[in-house]
């Protein structure tokens, strides 16, 4: 009788493992769209900014303030002195 329980348990484990392998799907590839480098250069005052967000450093991404225009984005160094001036009046964009 003890042998029957062991065989039954082994069969249940085998069924569970086989079932998991059948339902296994490969994860989809996620593209990384972030700033991988930043500029300390000022964004010209005539460039109309519509918002910004702070990007944390998580490889391959770097610590950055991302400024948004209607068509483009600028990856800026958050330690640059001019950053605080350009943040005034802009709304923070949530991901």
PDB file of N, CA and C in Angstrom:
ATOM      1  N   UNK A   1       0.827  -1.201   0.000  1.00  0.00           N
ATOM      2  CA  UNK A   1       0.000   0.000   0.000  1.00  0.00           C
ATOM      3  C   UNK A   1       0.866   1.258   0.000  1.00  0.00           C
ATOM      4  N   UNK A   2       1.981   1.219   0.746  1.00  0.00           N
ATOM      5  CA  UNK A   2       2.879   2.357   0.826  1.00  0.00           C
ATOM      6  C   UNK A   2       3.459   2.678  -0.554  1.00  0.00           C
ATOM      7  N   UNK A   3       3.745   1.673  -1.341  1.00  0.00           N
ATOM      8  CA  UNK A   3       4.278   1.836  -2.685  1.00  0.00           C
ATOM      9  C   UNK A   3       3.255   2.496  -3.612  1.00  0.00           C
ATOM     10  N   UNK A   4       1.992   2.188  -3.444  1.00  0.00           N
ATOM     11  CA  UNK A   4       0.930   2.790  -4.257  1.00  0.00           C
ATOM     12  C   UNK A   4       0.857   4.294  -4.038  1.00  0.00           C
ATOM     13  N   UNK A   5       0.986   4.728  -2.793  1.00  0.00           N
ATOM     14  CA  UNK A   5       0.949   6.161  -2.491  1.00  0.00           C
ATOM     15  C   UNK A   5       2.129   6.884  -3.133  1.00  0.00           C
ATOM     16  N   UNK A   6       3.309   6.277  -3.098  1.00  0.00           N
ATOM     17  CA  UNK A   6       4.489   6.883  -3.714  1.00  0.00           C
ATOM     18  C   UNK A   6       4.307   7.001  -5.230  1.00  0.00           C
ATOM     19  N   UNK A   7       3.780   5.936  -5.834  1.00  0.00           N
ATOM     20  CA  UNK A   7       3.546   5.971  -7.281  1.00  0.00           C
ATOM     21  C   UNK A   7       2.500   7.024  -7.646  1.00  0.00           C
ATOM     22  N   UNK A   8       1.442   7.112  -6.852  1.00  0.00           N
ATOM     23  CA  UNK A   8       0.390   8.095  -7.114  1.00  0.00           C
ATOM     24  C   UNK A   8       0.937   9.515  -6.980  1.00  0.00           C
ATOM     25  N   UNK A   9       1.754   9.749  -5.964  1.00  0.00           N
ATOM     26  CA  UNK A   9       2.351  11.068  -5.760  1.00  0.00           C
ATOM     27  C   UNK A   9       3.285  11.434  -6.912  1.00  0.00           C
ATOM     28  N   UNK A  10       4.093  10.476  -7.350  1.00  0.00           N
ATOM     29  CA  UNK A  10       5.000  10.728  -8.462  1.00  0.00           C
ATOM     30  C   UNK A  10       4.233  11.024  -9.744  1.00  0.00           C
ATOM     31  N   UNK A  11       3.124  10.349  -9.958  1.00  0.00           N
ATOM     32  CA  UNK A  11       2.295  10.593 -11.141  1.00  0.00           C
ATOM     33  C   UNK A  11       1.691  11.996 -11.096  1.00  0.00           C
ATOM     34  N   UNK A  12       1.244  12.418  -9.911  1.00  0.00           N
ATOM     35  CA  UNK A  12       0.657  13.759  -9.772  1.00  0.00           C
ATOM     36  C   UNK A  12       1.715  14.832 -10.055  1.00  0.00           C
ATOM     37  N   UNK A  13       2.909  14.643  -9.550  1.00  0.00           N
ATOM     38  CA  UNK A  13       3.984  15.598  -9.804  1.00  0.00           C
ATOM     39  C   UNK A  13       4.305  15.650 -11.284  1.00  0.00           C
ATOM     40  N   UNK A  14       4.374  14.500 -11.931  1.00  0.00           N
ATOM     41  CA  UNK A  14       4.663  14.428 -13.356  1.00  0.00           C
ATOM     42  C   UNK A  14       3.587  15.153 -14.166  1.00  0.00           C
ATOM     43  N   UNK A  15       2.331  14.956 -13.803  1.00  0.00           N
ATOM     44  CA  UNK A  15       1.227  15.621 -14.505  1.00  0.00           C
ATOM     45  C   UNK A  15       1.319  17.135 -14.333  1.00  0.00           C
ATOM     46  N   UNK A  16       1.616  17.594 -13.121  1.00  0.00           N
ATOM     47  CA  UNK A  16       1.720  19.037 -12.861  1.00  0.00           C
ATOM     48  C   UNK A  16       2.859  19.659 -13.650  1.00  0.00           C
ATOM     49  N   UNK A  17       4.011  19.015 -13.666  1.00  0.00           N
ATOM     50  CA  UNK A  17       5.164  19.541 -14.396  1.00  0.00           C
ATOM     51  C   UNK A  17       4.874  19.573 -15.890  1.00  0.00           C
ATOM     52  N   UNK A  18       4.288  18.505 -16.404  1.00  0.00           N
ATOM     53  CA  UNK A  18       3.968  18.439 -17.828  1.00  0.00           C
ATOM     54  C   UNK A  18       2.950  19.511 -18.191  1.00  0.00           C
ATOM     55  N   UNK A  19       1.960  19.715 -17.354  1.00  0.00           N
ATOM     56  CA  UNK A  19       0.925  20.714 -17.593  1.00  0.00           C
ATOM     57  C   UNK A  19       1.529  22.110 -17.636  1.00  0.00           C
ATOM     58  N   UNK A  20       2.467  22.421 -16.755  1.00  0.00           N
ATOM     59  CA  UNK A  20       3.099  23.737 -16.737  1.00  0.00           C
ATOM     60  C   UNK A  20       3.910  23.968 -17.997  1.00  0.00           C
ATOM     61  N   UNK A  21       4.576  22.947 -18.497  1.00  0.00           N
ATOM     62  CA  UNK A  21       5.382  23.104 -19.696  1.00  0.00           C
ATOM     63  C   UNK A  21       4.516  23.343 -20.918  1.00  0.00           C
ATOM     64  N   UNK A  22       3.355  22.768 -20.968  1.00  0.00           N
ATOM     65  CA  UNK A  22       2.461  22.957 -22.097  1.00  0.00           C
ATOM     66  C   UNK A  22       1.944  24.389 -22.126  1.00  0.00           C
ATOM     67  N   UNK A  23       1.640  24.973 -20.963  1.00  0.00           N
ATOM     68  CA  UNK A  23       1.094  26.319 -20.888  1.00  0.00           C
ATOM     69  C   UNK A  23       2.163  27.407 -20.856  1.00  0.00           C
ATOM     70  N   UNK A  24       3.430  27.035 -20.856  1.00  0.00           N
ATOM     71  CA  UNK A  24       4.507  28.011 -20.787  1.00  0.00           C
ATOM     72  C   UNK A  24       4.574  28.810 -22.083  1.00  0.00           C
ATOM     73  N   UNK A  25       4.613  30.122 -21.932  1.00  0.00           N
ATOM     74  CA  UNK A  25       4.781  30.994 -23.090  1.00  0.00           C
ATOM     75  C   UNK A  25       6.001  31.862 -22.864  1.00  0.00           C
ATOM     76  N   UNK A  26       6.725  32.099 -23.898  1.00  0.00           N
ATOM     77  CA  UNK A  26       7.879  32.977 -23.782  1.00  0.00           C
ATOM     78  C   UNK A  26       7.407  34.402 -23.531  1.00  0.00           C
ATOM     79  N   UNK A  27       8.147  35.137 -22.693  1.00  0.00           N
ATOM     80  CA  UNK A  27       7.765  36.536 -22.481  1.00  0.00           C
ATOM     81  C   UNK A  27       7.996  37.346 -23.758  1.00  0.00           C
ATOM     82  N   UNK A  28       7.158  38.340 -23.962  1.00  0.00           N
ATOM     83  CA  UNK A  28       7.334  39.185 -25.136  1.00  0.00           C
ATOM     84  C   UNK A  28       8.485  40.147 -24.885  1.00  0.00           C
ATOM     85  N   UNK A  29       9.120  40.542 -25.936  1.00  0.00           N
ATOM     86  CA  UNK A  29      10.249  41.457 -25.828  1.00  0.00           C
ATOM     87  C   UNK A  29       9.724  42.872 -25.615  1.00  0.00           C
ATOM     88  N   UNK A  30      10.270  43.535 -24.622  1.00  0.00           N
ATOM     89  CA  UNK A  30       9.866  44.905 -24.319  1.00  0.00           C
ATOM     90  C   UNK A  30      11.000  45.829 -24.737  1.00  0.00           C
ATOM     91  N   UNK A  31      10.691  46.782 -25.558  1.00  0.00           N
ATOM     92  CA  UNK A  31      11.701  47.741 -25.985  1.00  0.00           C
ATOM     93  C   UNK A  31      11.953  48.768 -24.887  1.00  0.00           C
ATOM     94  N   UNK A  32      13.178  49.196 -24.782  1.00  0.00           N
ATOM     95  CA  UNK A  32      13.530  50.197 -23.783  1.00  0.00           C
ATOM     96  C   UNK A  32      13.584  51.548 -24.470  1.00  0.00           C
ATOM     97  N   UNK A  33      12.720  52.450 -24.046  1.00  0.00           N
ATOM     98  CA  UNK A  33      12.741  53.807 -24.568  1.00  0.00           C
ATOM     99  C   UNK A  33      12.994  54.741 -23.408  1.00  0.00           C
ATOM    100  N   UNK A  34      14.243  55.079 -23.238  1.00  0.00           N
ATOM    101  CA  UNK A  34      14.629  55.964 -22.151  1.00  0.00           C
ATOM    102  C   UNK A  34      15.898  56.692 -22.560  1.00  0.00           C
ATOM    103  N   UNK A  35      16.295  57.640 -21.725  1.00  0.00           N
ATOM    104  CA  UNK A  35      17.533  58.377 -21.973  1.00  0.00           C
ATOM    105  C   UNK A  35      18.708  57.523 -21.531  1.00  0.00           C
ATOM    106  N   UNK A  36      19.601  57.281 -22.461  1.00  0.00           N
ATOM    107  CA  UNK A  36      20.802  56.515 -22.142  1.00  0.00           C
ATOM    108  C   UNK A  36      22.000  57.425 -21.958  1.00  0.00           C
ATOM    109  N   UNK A  37      21.827  58.699 -22.305  1.00  0.00           N
ATOM    110  CA  UNK A  37      22.837  59.726 -22.065  1.00  0.00           C
ATOM    111  C   UNK A  37      22.124  61.066 -21.959  1.00  0.00           C
ATOM    112  N   UNK A  38      22.770  62.032 -21.328  1.00  0.00           N
ATOM    113  CA  UNK A  38      22.154  63.344 -21.097  1.00  0.00           C
ATOM    114  C   UNK A  38      23.069  64.453 -21.586  1.00  0.00           C
ATOM    115  N   UNK A  39      22.475  65.621 -21.732  1.00  0.00           N
ATOM    116  CA  UNK A  39      23.219  66.809 -22.123  1.00  0.00           C
ATOM    117  C   UNK A  39      23.151  67.832 -20.994  1.00  0.00           C
ATOM    118  N   UNK A  40      24.249  68.547 -20.777  1.00  0.00           N
ATOM    119  CA  UNK A  40      24.260  69.647 -19.811  1.00  0.00           C
ATOM    120  C   UNK A  40      23.933  70.969 -20.500  1.00  0.00           C
ATOM    121  N   UNK A  41      23.883  70.962 -21.842  1.00  0.00           N
ATOM    122  CA  UNK A  41      23.604  72.179 -22.602  1.00  0.00           C
ATOM    123  C   UNK A  41      22.186  72.669 -22.376  1.00  0.00           C
ATOM    124  N   UNK A  42      22.042  73.990 -22.390  1.00  0.00           N
ATOM    125  CA  UNK A  42      20.707  74.608 -22.204  1.00  0.00           C
ATOM    126  C   UNK A  42      19.802  74.348 -23.405  1.00  0.00           C
ATOM    127  N   UNK A  43      18.532  74.210 -23.118  1.00  0.00           N
ATOM    128  CA  UNK A  43      17.530  74.151 -24.182  1.00  0.00           C
ATOM    129  C   UNK A  43      17.198  75.605 -24.501  1.00  0.00           C
ATOM    130  N   UNK A  44      17.274  76.013 -25.752  1.00  0.00           N
ATOM    131  CA  UNK A  44      17.024  77.417 -26.092  1.00  0.00           C
ATOM    132  C   UNK A  44      15.658  77.895 -25.601  1.00  0.00           C
ATOM    133  N   UNK A  45      15.564  79.148 -25.143  1.00  0.00           N
ATOM    134  CA  UNK A  45      14.291  79.679 -24.611  1.00  0.00           C
ATOM    135  C   UNK A  45      13.148  79.657 -25.623  1.00  0.00           C
ATOM    136  N   UNK A  46      13.467  79.701 -26.918  1.00  0.00           N
ATOM    137  CA  UNK A  46      12.397  79.709 -27.932  1.00  0.00           C
ATOM    138  C   UNK A  46      11.767  78.328 -28.129  1.00  0.00           C
ATOM    139  N   UNK A  47      12.384  77.279 -27.580  1.00  0.00           N
ATOM    140  CA  UNK A  47      11.804  75.932 -27.662  1.00  0.00           C
ATOM    141  C   UNK A  47      10.686  75.847 -26.627  1.00  0.00           C
ATOM    142  N   UNK A  48       9.454  75.616 -27.100  1.00  0.00           N
ATOM    143  CA  UNK A  48       8.288  75.561 -26.207  1.00  0.00           C
ATOM    144  C   UNK A  48       8.185  74.174 -25.575  1.00  0.00           C
ATOM    145  N   UNK A  49       8.397  74.134 -24.264  1.00  0.00           N
ATOM    146  CA  UNK A  49       8.294  72.881 -23.522  1.00  0.00           C
ATOM    147  C   UNK A  49       6.872  72.705 -23.016  1.00  0.00           C
ATOM    148  N   UNK A  50       6.359  71.461 -23.074  1.00  0.00           N
ATOM    149  CA  UNK A  50       4.984  71.211 -22.614  1.00  0.00           C
ATOM    150  C   UNK A  50       4.933  70.397 -21.329  1.00  0.00           C
ATOM    151  N   UNK A  51       6.057  69.829 -20.929  1.00  0.00           N
ATOM    152  CA  UNK A  51       6.074  69.043 -19.704  1.00  0.00           C
ATOM    153  C   UNK A  51       7.432  68.410 -19.486  1.00  0.00           C
ATOM    154  N   UNK A  52       7.540  67.728 -18.358  1.00  0.00           N
ATOM    155  CA  UNK A  52       8.793  67.065 -18.035  1.00  0.00           C
ATOM    156  C   UNK A  52       8.500  65.856 -17.161  1.00  0.00           C
ATOM    157  N   UNK A  53       9.509  65.014 -16.999  1.00  0.00           N
ATOM    158  CA  UNK A  53       9.447  63.936 -16.017  1.00  0.00           C
ATOM    159  C   UNK A  53      10.864  63.625 -15.577  1.00  0.00           C
ATOM    160  N   UNK A  54      10.977  63.099 -14.375  1.00  0.00           N
ATOM    161  CA  UNK A  54      12.276  62.689 -13.861  1.00  0.00           C
ATOM    162  C   UNK A  54      12.433  61.202 -14.148  1.00  0.00           C
ATOM    163  N   UNK A  55      13.553  60.857 -14.759  1.00  0.00           N
ATOM    164  CA  UNK A  55      13.854  59.455 -15.063  1.00  0.00           C
ATOM    165  C   UNK A  55      14.942  58.987 -14.104  1.00  0.00           C
ATOM    166  N   UNK A  56      14.668  57.910 -13.396  1.00  0.00           N
ATOM    167  CA  UNK A  56      15.662  57.341 -12.491  1.00  0.00           C
ATOM    168  C   UNK A  56      16.650  56.480 -13.251  1.00  0.00           C
ATOM    169  N   UNK A  57      17.831  56.370 -12.696  1.00  0.00           N
ATOM    170  CA  UNK A  57      18.871  55.547 -13.316  1.00  0.00           C
ATOM    171  C   UNK A  57      18.587  54.080 -13.036  1.00  0.00           C
ATOM    172  N   UNK A  58      18.340  53.343 -14.062  1.00  0.00           N
ATOM    173  CA  UNK A  58      18.149  51.901 -13.995  1.00  0.00           C
ATOM    174  C   UNK A  58      18.656  51.362 -15.326  1.00  0.00           C
ATOM    175  N   UNK A  59      19.834  50.788 -15.294  1.00  0.00           N
ATOM    176  CA  UNK A  59      20.555  50.406 -16.497  1.00  0.00           C
ATOM    177  C   UNK A  59      19.638  49.744 -17.523  1.00  0.00           C
ATOM    178  N   UNK A  60      19.687  50.148 -18.766  1.00  0.00           N
ATOM    179  CA  UNK A  60      20.641  51.021 -19.424  1.00  0.00           C
ATOM    180  C   UNK A  60      20.285  52.501 -19.331  1.00  0.00           C
ATOM    181  N   UNK A  61      19.222  52.858 -18.642  1.00  0.00           N
ATOM    182  CA  UNK A  61      18.783  54.241 -18.521  1.00  0.00           C
ATOM    183  C   UNK A  61      19.634  54.988 -17.489  1.00  0.00           C
ATOM    184  N   UNK A  62      19.745  56.301 -17.673  1.00  0.00           N
ATOM    185  CA  UNK A  62      20.525  57.127 -16.756  1.00  0.00           C
ATOM    186  C   UNK A  62      19.615  58.121 -16.041  1.00  0.00           C
ATOM    187  N   UNK A  63      20.098  58.684 -14.947  1.00  0.00           N
ATOM    188  CA  UNK A  63      19.364  59.710 -14.214  1.00  0.00           C
ATOM    189  C   UNK A  63      19.220  60.928 -15.123  1.00  0.00           C
ATOM    190  N   UNK A  64      17.991  61.380 -15.339  1.00  0.00           N
ATOM    191  CA  UNK A  64      17.767  62.470 -16.286  1.00  0.00           C
ATOM    192  C   UNK A  64      16.466  63.200 -15.985  1.00  0.00           C
ATOM    193  N   UNK A  65      16.411  64.442 -16.440  1.00  0.00           N
ATOM    194  CA  UNK A  65      15.150  65.174 -16.537  1.00  0.00           C
ATOM    195  C   UNK A  65      14.813  65.157 -18.023  1.00  0.00           C
ATOM    196  N   UNK A  66      13.654  64.623 -18.342  1.00  0.00           N
ATOM    197  CA  UNK A  66      13.224  64.521 -19.742  1.00  0.00           C
ATOM    198  C   UNK A  66      12.215  65.625 -19.993  1.00  0.00           C
ATOM    199  N   UNK A  67      12.594  66.571 -20.843  1.00  0.00           N
ATOM    200  CA  UNK A  67      11.703  67.658 -21.232  1.00  0.00           C
ATOM    201  C   UNK A  67      10.999  67.260 -22.516  1.00  0.00           C
ATOM    202  N   UNK A  68       9.693  67.579 -22.601  1.00  0.00           N
ATOM    203  CA  UNK A  68       8.896  67.244 -23.767  1.00  0.00           C
ATOM    204  C   UNK A  68       8.443  68.494 -24.502  1.00  0.00           C
ATOM    205  N   UNK A  69       8.500  68.430 -25.843  1.00  0.00           N
ATOM    206  CA  UNK A  69       7.902  69.439 -26.703  1.00  0.00           C
ATOM    207  C   UNK A  69       6.762  68.730 -27.435  1.00  0.00           C
ATOM    208  N   UNK A  70       6.157  69.404 -28.383  1.00  0.00           N
ATOM    209  CA  UNK A  70       5.080  68.776 -29.157  1.00  0.00           C
ATOM    210  C   UNK A  70       5.592  67.562 -29.940  1.00  0.00           C
ATOM    211  N   UNK A  71       6.853  67.620 -30.406  1.00  0.00           N
ATOM    212  CA  UNK A  71       7.361  66.554 -31.263  1.00  0.00           C
ATOM    213  C   UNK A  71       8.573  65.818 -30.710  1.00  0.00           C
ATOM    214  N   UNK A  72       9.342  66.451 -29.855  1.00  0.00           N
ATOM    215  CA  UNK A  72      10.613  65.883 -29.422  1.00  0.00           C
ATOM    216  C   UNK A  72      10.689  65.743 -27.915  1.00  0.00           C
ATOM    217  N   UNK A  73      11.796  65.128 -27.498  1.00  0.00           N
ATOM    218  CA  UNK A  73      12.112  65.090 -26.075  1.00  0.00           C
ATOM    219  C   UNK A  73      13.600  65.369 -25.922  1.00  0.00           C
ATOM    220  N   UNK A  74      13.944  65.992 -24.800  1.00  0.00           N
ATOM    221  CA  UNK A  74      15.322  66.344 -24.508  1.00  0.00           C
ATOM    222  C   UNK A  74      15.734  65.669 -23.212  1.00  0.00           C
ATOM    223  N   UNK A  75      16.837  64.964 -23.249  1.00  0.00           N
ATOM    224  CA  UNK A  75      17.378  64.294 -22.075  1.00  0.00           C
ATOM    225  C   UNK A  75      18.429  65.208 -21.452  1.00  0.00           C
ATOM    226  N   UNK A  76      18.122  65.732 -20.286  1.00  0.00           N
ATOM    227  CA  UNK A  76      18.999  66.718 -19.663  1.00  0.00           C
ATOM    228  C   UNK A  76      19.538  66.220 -18.335  1.00  0.00           C
ATOM    229  N   UNK A  77      20.734  66.694 -18.014  1.00  0.00           N
ATOM    230  CA  UNK A  77      21.396  66.346 -16.762  1.00  0.00           C
ATOM    231  C   UNK A  77      20.674  67.041 -15.613  1.00  0.00           C
ATOM    232  N   UNK A  78      20.141  66.288 -14.646  1.00  0.00           N
ATOM    233  CA  UNK A  78      19.384  66.909 -13.546  1.00  0.00           C
ATOM    234  C   UNK A  78      20.238  67.792 -12.639  1.00  0.00           C
ATOM    235  N   UNK A  79      21.558  67.692 -12.723  1.00  0.00           N
ATOM    236  CA  UNK A  79      22.417  68.530 -11.876  1.00  0.00           C
ATOM    237  C   UNK A  79      22.814  69.841 -12.553  1.00  0.00           C
ATOM    238  N   UNK A  80      22.429  70.041 -13.813  1.00  0.00           N
ATOM    239  CA  UNK A  80      22.750  71.294 -14.507  1.00  0.00           C
ATOM    240  C   UNK A  80      22.022  72.449 -13.825  1.00  0.00           C
ATOM    241  N   UNK A  81      22.701  73.580 -13.702  1.00  0.00           N
ATOM    242  CA  UNK A  81      22.140  74.732 -12.959  1.00  0.00           C
ATOM    243  C   UNK A  81      20.866  75.298 -13.570  1.00  0.00           C
ATOM    244  N   UNK A  82      20.730  75.248 -14.875  1.00  0.00           N
ATOM    245  CA  UNK A  82      19.592  75.869 -15.542  1.00  0.00           C
ATOM    246  C   UNK A  82      18.300  75.059 -15.445  1.00  0.00           C
ATOM    247  N   UNK A  83      18.397  73.824 -15.004  1.00  0.00           N
ATOM    248  CA  UNK A  83      17.229  72.921 -14.964  1.00  0.00           C
ATOM    249  C   UNK A  83      16.088  73.501 -14.129  1.00  0.00           C
ATOM    250  N   UNK A  84      16.374  73.951 -12.920  1.00  0.00           N
ATOM    251  CA  UNK A  84      15.316  74.464 -12.031  1.00  0.00           C
ATOM    252  C   UNK A  84      14.566  75.629 -12.672  1.00  0.00           C
ATOM    253  N   UNK A  85      15.275  76.476 -13.403  1.00  0.00           N
ATOM    254  CA  UNK A  85      14.649  77.605 -14.081  1.00  0.00           C
ATOM    255  C   UNK A  85      13.647  77.120 -15.127  1.00  0.00           C
ATOM    256  N   UNK A  86      13.999  76.099 -15.905  1.00  0.00           N
ATOM    257  CA  UNK A  86      13.107  75.612 -16.958  1.00  0.00           C
ATOM    258  C   UNK A  86      11.947  74.766 -16.412  1.00  0.00           C
ATOM    259  N   UNK A  87      12.090  74.216 -15.202  1.00  0.00           N
ATOM    260  CA  UNK A  87      11.007  73.424 -14.619  1.00  0.00           C
ATOM    261  C   UNK A  87       9.835  74.287 -14.169  1.00  0.00           C
ATOM    262  N   UNK A  88      10.103  75.542 -13.855  1.00  0.00           N
ATOM    263  CA  UNK A  88       9.039  76.439 -13.362  1.00  0.00           C
ATOM    264  C   UNK A  88       7.909  76.551 -14.373  1.00  0.00           C
ATOM    265  N   UNK A  89       6.707  76.315 -13.906  1.00  0.00           N
ATOM    266  CA  UNK A  89       5.524  76.442 -14.744  1.00  0.00           C
ATOM    267  C   UNK A  89       5.204  75.210 -15.576  1.00  0.00           C
ATOM    268  N   UNK A  90       6.063  74.211 -15.581  1.00  0.00           N
ATOM    269  CA  UNK A  90       5.790  73.007 -16.357  1.00  0.00           C
ATOM    270  C   UNK A  90       5.118  71.957 -15.481  1.00  0.00           C
ATOM    271  N   UNK A  91       4.247  71.177 -16.075  1.00  0.00           N
ATOM    272  CA  UNK A  91       3.616  70.090 -15.316  1.00  0.00           C
ATOM    273  C   UNK A  91       4.445  68.830 -15.470  1.00  0.00           C
ATOM    274  N   UNK A  92       4.455  68.035 -14.402  1.00  0.00           N
ATOM    275  CA  UNK A  92       5.180  66.769 -14.437  1.00  0.00           C
ATOM    276  C   UNK A  92       4.303  65.735 -15.136  1.00  0.00           C
ATOM    277  N   UNK A  93       4.878  65.045 -16.087  1.00  0.00           N
ATOM    278  CA  UNK A  93       4.157  64.037 -16.867  1.00  0.00           C
ATOM    279  C   UNK A  93       4.360  62.671 -16.199  1.00  0.00           C
ATOM    280  N   UNK A  94       3.253  61.978 -15.929  1.00  0.00           N
ATOM    281  CA  UNK A  94       3.303  60.653 -15.331  1.00  0.00           C
ATOM    282  C   UNK A  94       3.334  59.606 -16.421  1.00  0.00           C
ATOM    283  N   UNK A  95       4.092  58.538 -16.204  1.00  0.00           N
ATOM    284  CA  UNK A  95       4.133  57.430 -17.168  1.00  0.00           C
ATOM    285  C   UNK A  95       2.956  56.524 -16.993  1.00  0.00           C
TER     286      UNK A  95
END
